[in-house]
Amino acid sequence: MIAPQANQATITYDDFAKVDIRVGTIVSAEPYPEARKPAYKLTVDFGPAIGTKRTSAQITKYYKLEDLPGRQVAAVVNFPPKQIGKFMSEVLVLGFPDPEGGVVMIGVSHPVPNGGKLF
């Protein structure tokens, strides 16, 4: 579990704006048995300006593969691609840890257009 830090440095809005967090719809989810920790391979549609991106996500505790397509999620889209085993992850799907470290994904409460930027 990640504990909150009492003395975190403050940032400016410009600092926050550098992190490009967008909403996308999961179009496919696959098992990722080669991952060191249980994970899925996700393909997420971020709309025409960004396109479809792939990522791995350690979300197996609360989410079943068959329930993921069609779900909207928040993700950082401006990190450089990262090699995770034999898989290239292009975005970071965001979530919060539960008390045991399981991931609960950030989503939207109402459908929004893919590619919308968090502000």
Protein backbone atom coordinates (compact mmCIF):
# COMPACT_ATOMS: atom_id res chain seq x y z
CA MET A 1 0.00 0.00 0.00
CA ILE A 2 1.25 3.48 -0.82
CA ALA A 3 0.91 5.85 2.12
CA PRO A 4 0.10 9.51 1.49
CA GLN A 5 3.05 11.80 1.89
CA ALA A 6 2.60 14.75 4.21
CA ASN A 7 5.38 16.93 2.74
CA GLN A 8 4.81 16.62 -0.98
CA ALA A 9 6.05 19.54 -3.03
CA THR A 10 3.42 21.75 -4.59
CA ILE A 11 3.26 22.03 -8.37
CA THR A 12 1.95 24.62 -10.76
CA TYR A 13 -0.93 24.11 -13.17
CA ASP A 14 1.67 24.07 -15.97
CA ASP A 15 3.36 21.11 -14.24
CA PHE A 16 0.01 19.28 -14.08
CA ALA A 17 -0.75 20.10 -17.72
CA LYS A 18 2.43 18.28 -18.82
CA VAL A 19 0.83 14.97 -17.80
CA ASP A 20 -1.52 14.15 -20.68
CA ILE A 21 -4.34 12.14 -19.10
CA ARG A 22 -7.00 11.04 -21.58
CA VAL A 23 -10.11 8.90 -21.56
CA GLY A 24 -10.32 5.89 -23.83
CA THR A 25 -12.48 2.84 -24.38
CA ILE A 26 -11.02 -0.63 -23.95
CA VAL A 27 -11.58 -2.42 -27.27
CA SER A 28 -9.90 -5.71 -26.35
CA ALA A 29 -8.39 -7.48 -23.37
CA GLU A 30 -6.14 -10.54 -23.45
CA PRO A 31 -4.43 -12.68 -20.85
CA TYR A 32 -0.77 -11.92 -20.20
CA PRO A 33 0.54 -15.16 -18.68
CA GLU A 34 4.20 -14.18 -19.20
CA ALA A 35 3.91 -11.19 -16.84
CA ARG A 36 5.78 -11.43 -13.54
CA LYS A 37 2.70 -10.19 -11.66
CA PRO A 38 -0.82 -11.11 -12.85
CA ALA A 39 -1.79 -8.71 -15.65
CA TYR A 40 -3.83 -8.29 -18.82
CA LYS A 41 -2.89 -6.86 -22.21
CA LEU A 42 -5.32 -4.08 -23.13
CA THR A 43 -6.00 -2.26 -26.38
CA VAL A 44 -7.56 1.16 -25.75
CA ASP A 45 -9.15 3.52 -28.30
CA PHE A 46 -8.35 7.17 -27.54
CA GLY A 47 -10.18 8.61 -30.57
CA PRO A 48 -8.92 9.80 -33.94
CA ALA A 49 -6.29 12.30 -32.71
CA ILE A 50 -4.39 9.74 -30.57
CA GLY A 51 -5.59 6.43 -31.98
CA THR A 52 -5.50 2.97 -30.48
CA LYS A 53 -2.76 2.19 -27.94
CA ARG A 54 -1.72 -0.94 -26.07
CA THR A 55 -0.80 -1.41 -22.44
CA SER A 56 -0.44 -4.05 -19.79
CA ALA A 57 -2.35 -3.57 -16.56
CA GLN A 58 -2.18 -5.39 -13.24
CA ILE A 59 -5.96 -5.29 -12.77
CA THR A 60 -6.77 -8.99 -12.45
CA LYS A 61 -8.05 -8.79 -8.85
CA TYR A 62 -11.26 -6.90 -9.66
CA TYR A 63 -11.72 -7.23 -13.42
CA LYS A 64 -12.51 -10.19 -15.67
CA LEU A 65 -11.28 -10.16 -19.27
CA GLU A 66 -14.78 -10.45 -20.70
CA ASP A 67 -16.01 -7.42 -18.70
CA LEU A 68 -13.31 -5.00 -19.90
CA PRO A 69 -14.18 -4.29 -23.58
CA GLY A 70 -16.42 -1.22 -23.76
CA ARG A 71 -15.26 0.16 -20.42
CA GLN A 72 -13.90 3.72 -20.42
CA VAL A 73 -10.67 4.31 -18.50
CA ALA A 74 -8.25 7.13 -17.78
CA ALA A 75 -4.65 6.81 -18.93
CA VAL A 76 -1.45 8.81 -19.26
CA VAL A 77 -0.75 8.92 -23.00
CA ASN A 78 2.50 10.91 -23.13
CA PHE A 79 4.93 8.56 -21.40
CA PRO A 80 7.48 6.98 -23.74
CA PRO A 81 6.68 3.36 -24.68
CA LYS A 82 7.99 0.88 -22.11
CA GLN A 83 9.13 -2.67 -22.77
CA ILE A 84 7.44 -5.03 -20.29
CA GLY A 85 8.79 -8.50 -20.97
CA LYS A 86 8.09 -9.22 -24.64
CA PHE A 87 5.29 -6.63 -24.70
CA MET A 88 5.56 -2.91 -25.53
CA SER A 89 3.29 -0.79 -23.32
CA GLU A 90 2.36 2.56 -24.87
CA VAL A 91 0.15 4.15 -22.18
CA LEU A 92 -0.42 3.89 -18.42
CA VAL A 93 -3.97 3.06 -17.33
CA LEU A 94 -4.62 4.79 -14.00
CA GLY A 95 -6.00 3.36 -10.79
CA PHE A 96 -5.88 3.47 -7.02
CA PRO A 97 -4.62 0.71 -4.70
CA ASP A 98 -6.99 -1.10 -2.37
CA PRO A 99 -5.70 -1.93 1.15
CA GLU A 100 -3.94 -5.07 -0.18
CA GLY A 101 -2.44 -3.35 -3.24
CA GLY A 102 -5.03 -4.52 -5.80
CA VAL A 103 -5.74 -1.94 -8.50
CA VAL A 104 -9.11 -0.20 -8.86
CA MET A 105 -9.14 1.59 -12.23
CA ILE A 106 -10.18 5.21 -12.67
CA GLY A 107 -13.15 5.52 -14.99
CA VAL A 108 -15.96 7.90 -15.85
CA SER A 109 -19.47 7.91 -14.41
CA HIS A 110 -21.06 8.93 -17.73
CA PRO A 111 -19.87 8.17 -21.29
CA VAL A 112 -17.61 10.83 -22.78
CA PRO A 113 -15.88 11.07 -26.19
CA ASN A 114 -12.67 9.05 -26.46
CA GLY A 115 -9.60 11.25 -26.27
CA GLY A 116 -11.06 13.77 -23.83
CA LYS A 117 -8.30 15.38 -21.73
CA LEU A 118 -8.50 15.46 -17.93
CA PHE A 119 -8.48 19.00 -16.53
